[in-house]
Amino acid sequence: MAAAVAIVVAALGWWPRFTDFQAGVTASGGFDQWRAERARTRLLATAGVGHWSWHGGAESPSGDVVWDGRHQRGFMRLHGLVPNDPRSAQYQLWIFDAARDERYPVDGGVFDVPPGRDAVIVPMHPTLPVSRAVAFAITVERPGGVVVSAREKMVAFAHAGP
């Protein structure tokens, strides 16, 4: 009986950490954003986690990327990204891996920025393992994203440095 109680208590203690990364990729509601911010803050406090700023021109969004290569998880924080209509286009994250050909970055997931949101926090969902992240890019793609981007509409870029 005591073992069963211990398992339930442990599961309840870890459940919020697990669900933080399972939140939808759509940067929509307040609760999901609150959970994403909480998980991002915890991730930033972890040793060995990378933290980089977005770069670009005057029209580019500001914010940052937090990436934990050991656990293959991360978050993007974006300010000033133009809201999109998911029926016509979606944003897609690309993770450039030092171990892969730069023509084929890892798909980090598609996401939307709803109207009225100036700031969003989006969990990353890489489709393949990333050996060593060296850069992150956001492009505008067709709904559902693409397998290989032509990178014609790149809206943000973060270089991970040495």
C-alpha atoms as a PDB file:
ATOM      1  CA  MET A   1       0.000   0.000   0.000  1.00  0.00           C
ATOM      2  CA  ALA A   2       2.807   2.426   0.877  1.00  0.00           C
ATOM      3  CA  ALA A   3       4.527   1.699  -2.445  1.00  0.00           C
ATOM      4  CA  ALA A   4       1.339   2.510  -4.362  1.00  0.00           C
ATOM      5  CA  VAL A   5       0.956   5.811  -2.498  1.00  0.00           C
ATOM      6  CA  ALA A   6       4.611   6.670  -3.224  1.00  0.00           C
ATOM      7  CA  ILE A   7       4.133   5.996  -6.952  1.00  0.00           C
ATOM      8  CA  VAL A   8       1.026   8.211  -7.076  1.00  0.00           C
ATOM      9  CA  VAL A   9       2.803  11.041  -5.226  1.00  0.00           C
ATOM     10  CA  ALA A  10       5.829  10.776  -7.551  1.00  0.00           C
ATOM     11  CA  ALA A  11       3.627  10.793 -10.656  1.00  0.00           C
ATOM     12  CA  LEU A  12       1.727  13.861  -9.445  1.00  0.00           C
ATOM     13  CA  GLY A  13       4.999  15.637  -8.709  1.00  0.00           C
ATOM     14  CA  TRP A  14       6.434  15.004 -12.177  1.00  0.00           C
ATOM     15  CA  TRP A  15       3.208  15.455 -14.146  1.00  0.00           C
ATOM     16  CA  PRO A  16       3.497  19.285 -14.529  1.00  0.00           C
ATOM     17  CA  ARG A  17       7.061  18.994 -15.879  1.00  0.00           C
ATOM     18  CA  PHE A  18       5.982  16.381 -18.410  1.00  0.00           C
ATOM     19  CA  THR A  19       2.949  18.315 -19.592  1.00  0.00           C
ATOM     20  CA  ASP A  20       4.920  21.562 -20.031  1.00  0.00           C
ATOM     21  CA  PHE A  21       6.532  20.111 -23.148  1.00  0.00           C
ATOM     22  CA  GLN A  22       3.372  18.414 -24.378  1.00  0.00           C
ATOM     23  CA  ALA A  23       1.489  21.703 -24.699  1.00  0.00           C
ATOM     24  CA  GLY A  24       0.205  22.454 -28.159  1.00  0.00           C
ATOM     25  CA  VAL A  25       2.577  24.184 -30.519  1.00  0.00           C
ATOM     26  CA  THR A  26      -0.021  26.853 -31.167  1.00  0.00           C
ATOM     27  CA  ALA A  27       0.931  29.906 -29.145  1.00  0.00           C
ATOM     28  CA  SER A  28      -2.660  30.537 -28.156  1.00  0.00           C
ATOM     29  CA  GLY A  29      -4.226  30.759 -24.759  1.00  0.00           C
ATOM     30  CA  GLY A  30      -3.078  32.239 -21.492  1.00  0.00           C
ATOM     31  CA  PHE A  31      -2.842  28.939 -19.604  1.00  0.00           C
ATOM     32  CA  ASP A  32      -0.651  27.281 -22.244  1.00  0.00           C
ATOM     33  CA  GLN A  33       1.543  30.381 -22.323  1.00  0.00           C
ATOM     34  CA  TRP A  34       1.790  30.362 -18.526  1.00  0.00           C
ATOM     35  CA  ARG A  35       2.859  26.688 -18.559  1.00  0.00           C
ATOM     36  CA  ALA A  36       5.356  27.343 -21.355  1.00  0.00           C
ATOM     37  CA  GLU A  37       6.864  30.323 -19.488  1.00  0.00           C
ATOM     38  CA  ARG A  38       7.146  28.272 -16.311  1.00  0.00           C
ATOM     39  CA  ALA A  39       8.873  25.386 -18.132  1.00  0.00           C
ATOM     40  CA  ARG A  40      11.172  27.820 -20.008  1.00  0.00           C
ATOM     41  CA  THR A  41      12.228  29.417 -16.712  1.00  0.00           C
ATOM     42  CA  ARG A  42      13.011  25.997 -15.224  1.00  0.00           C
ATOM     43  CA  LEU A  43      14.974  25.037 -18.337  1.00  0.00           C
ATOM     44  CA  LEU A  44      17.035  28.253 -18.159  1.00  0.00           C
ATOM     45  CA  ALA A  45      18.077  27.305 -14.615  1.00  0.00           C
ATOM     46  CA  THR A  46      19.461  23.953 -15.833  1.00  0.00           C
ATOM     47  CA  ALA A  47      23.220  23.607 -16.239  1.00  0.00           C
ATOM     48  CA  GLY A  48      24.484  23.185 -19.809  1.00  0.00           C
ATOM     49  CA  VAL A  49      21.463  24.743 -21.513  1.00  0.00           C
ATOM     50  CA  GLY A  50      22.085  27.104 -24.439  1.00  0.00           C
ATOM     51  CA  HIS A  51      20.484  30.545 -24.595  1.00  0.00           C
ATOM     52  CA  TRP A  52      20.644  32.683 -27.763  1.00  0.00           C
ATOM     53  CA  SER A  53      18.946  35.821 -29.104  1.00  0.00           C
ATOM     54  CA  TRP A  54      17.094  36.185 -32.386  1.00  0.00           C
ATOM     55  CA  HIS A  55      18.875  38.338 -34.991  1.00  0.00           C
ATOM     56  CA  GLY A  56      17.632  40.147 -38.052  1.00  0.00           C
ATOM     57  CA  GLY A  57      16.626  43.490 -39.461  1.00  0.00           C
ATOM     58  CA  ALA A  58      14.408  46.158 -37.930  1.00  0.00           C
ATOM     59  CA  GLU A  59      11.271  44.207 -38.889  1.00  0.00           C
ATOM     60  CA  SER A  60      12.470  40.943 -37.280  1.00  0.00           C
ATOM     61  CA  PRO A  61      11.019  39.717 -34.006  1.00  0.00           C
ATOM     62  CA  SER A  62      13.048  39.939 -30.819  1.00  0.00           C
ATOM     63  CA  GLY A  63      13.319  37.311 -28.118  1.00  0.00           C
ATOM     64  CA  ASP A  64      15.425  34.250 -27.533  1.00  0.00           C
ATOM     65  CA  VAL A  65      15.930  30.511 -27.886  1.00  0.00           C
ATOM     66  CA  VAL A  66      16.540  28.172 -24.955  1.00  0.00           C
ATOM     67  CA  TRP A  67      17.785  24.713 -25.974  1.00  0.00           C
ATOM     68  CA  ASP A  68      18.752  21.655 -23.939  1.00  0.00           C
ATOM     69  CA  GLY A  69      20.655  19.363 -26.301  1.00  0.00           C
ATOM     70  CA  ARG A  70      20.965  16.618 -23.726  1.00  0.00           C
ATOM     71  CA  HIS A  71      17.194  16.236 -23.391  1.00  0.00           C
ATOM     72  CA  GLN A  72      16.326  17.432 -26.925  1.00  0.00           C
ATOM     73  CA  ARG A  73      13.898  20.112 -25.786  1.00  0.00           C
ATOM     74  CA  GLY A  74      13.631  23.860 -25.842  1.00  0.00           C
ATOM     75  CA  PHE A  75      11.521  26.985 -26.125  1.00  0.00           C
ATOM     76  CA  MET A  76      11.369  30.040 -28.348  1.00  0.00           C
ATOM     77  CA  ARG A  77      10.307  33.369 -26.906  1.00  0.00           C
ATOM     78  CA  LEU A  78       9.220  35.834 -29.588  1.00  0.00           C
ATOM     79  CA  HIS A  79       8.107  39.469 -29.414  1.00  0.00           C
ATOM     80  CA  GLY A  80       6.689  41.267 -32.421  1.00  0.00           C
ATOM     81  CA  LEU A  81       6.116  38.306 -34.728  1.00  0.00           C
ATOM     82  CA  VAL A  82       3.221  39.143 -37.050  1.00  0.00           C
ATOM     83  CA  PRO A  83       0.064  37.077 -36.379  1.00  0.00           C
ATOM     84  CA  ASN A  84      -0.616  34.507 -39.101  1.00  0.00           C
ATOM     85  CA  ASP A  85      -3.715  32.937 -40.614  1.00  0.00           C
ATOM     86  CA  PRO A  86      -3.082  29.175 -40.203  1.00  0.00           C
ATOM     87  CA  ARG A  87      -5.356  28.461 -43.178  1.00  0.00           C
ATOM     88  CA  SER A  88      -2.907  30.191 -45.540  1.00  0.00           C
ATOM     89  CA  ALA A  89       0.543  30.016 -43.836  1.00  0.00           C
ATOM     90  CA  GLN A  90       2.270  28.832 -40.677  1.00  0.00           C
ATOM     91  CA  TYR A  91       5.583  29.567 -39.022  1.00  0.00           C
ATOM     92  CA  GLN A  92       8.081  26.711 -38.986  1.00  0.00           C
ATOM     93  CA  LEU A  93      11.178  26.329 -36.814  1.00  0.00           C
ATOM     94  CA  TRP A  94      14.410  24.882 -38.212  1.00  0.00           C
ATOM     95  CA  ILE A  95      17.303  23.635 -36.072  1.00  0.00           C
ATOM     96  CA  PHE A  96      20.694  23.570 -37.770  1.00  0.00           C
ATOM     97  CA  ASP A  97      22.806  20.672 -36.508  1.00  0.00           C
ATOM     98  CA  ALA A  98      26.608  20.660 -36.804  1.00  0.00           C
ATOM     99  CA  ALA A  99      26.443  16.938 -37.627  1.00  0.00           C
ATOM    100  CA  ARG A 100      24.080  17.428 -40.612  1.00  0.00           C
ATOM    101  CA  ASP A 101      24.248  19.069 -44.020  1.00  0.00           C
ATOM    102  CA  GLU A 102      23.145  22.712 -43.564  1.00  0.00           C
ATOM    103  CA  ARG A 103      20.821  22.348 -46.569  1.00  0.00           C
ATOM    104  CA  TYR A 104      18.679  20.007 -44.459  1.00  0.00           C
ATOM    105  CA  PRO A 105      18.097  21.423 -40.969  1.00  0.00           C
ATOM    106  CA  VAL A 106      15.920  19.518 -38.501  1.00  0.00           C
ATOM    107  CA  ASP A 107      12.235  20.450 -38.493  1.00  0.00           C
ATOM    108  CA  GLY A 108      11.453  21.900 -35.062  1.00  0.00           C
ATOM    109  CA  GLY A 109       7.693  22.126 -35.572  1.00  0.00           C
ATOM    110  CA  VAL A 110       5.103  24.507 -36.968  1.00  0.00           C
ATOM    111  CA  PHE A 111       3.287  27.095 -34.900  1.00  0.00           C
ATOM    112  CA  ASP A 112       0.846  29.977 -35.128  1.00  0.00           C
ATOM    113  CA  VAL A 113       0.763  33.456 -33.624  1.00  0.00           C
ATOM    114  CA  PRO A 114      -2.855  34.428 -32.975  1.00  0.00           C
ATOM    115  CA  PRO A 115      -4.147  37.976 -33.455  1.00  0.00           C
ATOM    116  CA  GLY A 116      -3.690  40.203 -30.432  1.00  0.00           C
ATOM    117  CA  ARG A 117      -0.562  38.417 -29.180  1.00  0.00           C
ATOM    118  CA  ASP A 118       2.611  40.488 -29.264  1.00  0.00           C
ATOM    119  CA  ALA A 119       4.644  37.959 -27.281  1.00  0.00           C
ATOM    120  CA  VAL A 120       4.540  34.156 -27.470  1.00  0.00           C
ATOM    121  CA  ILE A 121       6.495  31.262 -26.005  1.00  0.00           C
ATOM    122  CA  VAL A 122       6.556  28.173 -28.184  1.00  0.00           C
ATOM    123  CA  PRO A 123       7.878  24.723 -27.190  1.00  0.00           C
ATOM    124  CA  MET A 124      10.182  23.099 -29.751  1.00  0.00           C
ATOM    125  CA  HIS A 125       9.326  19.677 -31.156  1.00  0.00           C
ATOM    126  CA  PRO A 126      12.298  18.421 -33.225  1.00  0.00           C
ATOM    127  CA  THR A 127      11.417  15.572 -35.576  1.00  0.00           C
ATOM    128  CA  LEU A 128      14.945  14.091 -35.407  1.00  0.00           C
ATOM    129  CA  PRO A 129      17.669  14.028 -32.748  1.00  0.00           C
ATOM    130  CA  VAL A 130      19.946  17.087 -32.824  1.00  0.00           C
ATOM    131  CA  SER A 131      23.614  16.344 -32.150  1.00  0.00           C
ATOM    132  CA  ARG A 132      24.834  19.938 -31.662  1.00  0.00           C
ATOM    133  CA  ALA A 133      22.572  22.882 -32.413  1.00  0.00           C
ATOM    134  CA  VAL A 134      24.482  25.684 -34.143  1.00  0.00           C
ATOM    135  CA  ALA A 135      21.599  27.867 -35.345  1.00  0.00           C
ATOM    136  CA  PHE A 136      17.818  28.243 -35.325  1.00  0.00           C
ATOM    137  CA  ALA A 137      15.630  29.808 -38.019  1.00  0.00           C
ATOM    138  CA  ILE A 138      11.939  30.578 -38.425  1.00  0.00           C
ATOM    139  CA  THR A 139      10.383  30.541 -41.878  1.00  0.00           C
ATOM    140  CA  VAL A 140       6.879  31.132 -43.212  1.00  0.00           C
ATOM    141  CA  GLU A 141       5.566  27.992 -44.929  1.00  0.00           C
ATOM    142  CA  ARG A 142       2.317  26.517 -46.219  1.00  0.00           C
ATOM    143  CA  PRO A 143      -0.123  25.125 -43.616  1.00  0.00           C
ATOM    144  CA  GLY A 144       1.310  22.021 -41.963  1.00  0.00           C
ATOM    145  CA  GLY A 145       4.876  22.993 -42.859  1.00  0.00           C
ATOM    146  CA  VAL A 146       7.295  21.486 -45.338  1.00  0.00           C
ATOM    147  CA  VAL A 147       9.942  18.759 -45.262  1.00  0.00           C
ATOM    148  CA  VAL A 148      12.635  20.946 -46.845  1.00  0.00           C
ATOM    149  CA  SER A 149      12.307  24.726 -46.823  1.00  0.00           C
ATOM    150  CA  ALA A 150      13.359  26.942 -49.718  1.00  0.00           C
ATOM    151  CA  ARG A 151      13.957  29.575 -46.982  1.00  0.00           C
ATOM    152  CA  GLU A 152      12.404  32.255 -49.155  1.00  0.00           C
ATOM    153  CA  LYS A 153      10.565  33.814 -46.198  1.00  0.00           C
ATOM    154  CA  MET A 154      12.952  33.623 -43.239  1.00  0.00           C
ATOM    155  CA  VAL A 155      11.676  35.889 -40.463  1.00  0.00           C
ATOM    156  CA  ALA A 156      14.157  35.191 -37.632  1.00  0.00           C
ATOM    157  CA  PHE A 157      17.583  33.636 -37.113  1.00  0.00           C
ATOM    158  CA  ALA A 158      19.576  32.797 -33.962  1.00  0.00           C
ATOM    159  CA  HIS A 159      23.203  31.676 -34.231  1.00  0.00           C
ATOM    160  CA  ALA A 160      24.258  29.418 -31.383  1.00  0.00           C
ATOM    161  CA  GLY A 161      27.896  30.493 -31.544  1.00  0.00           C
ATOM    162  CA  PRO A 162      30.982  28.366 -30.896  1.00  0.00           C
END
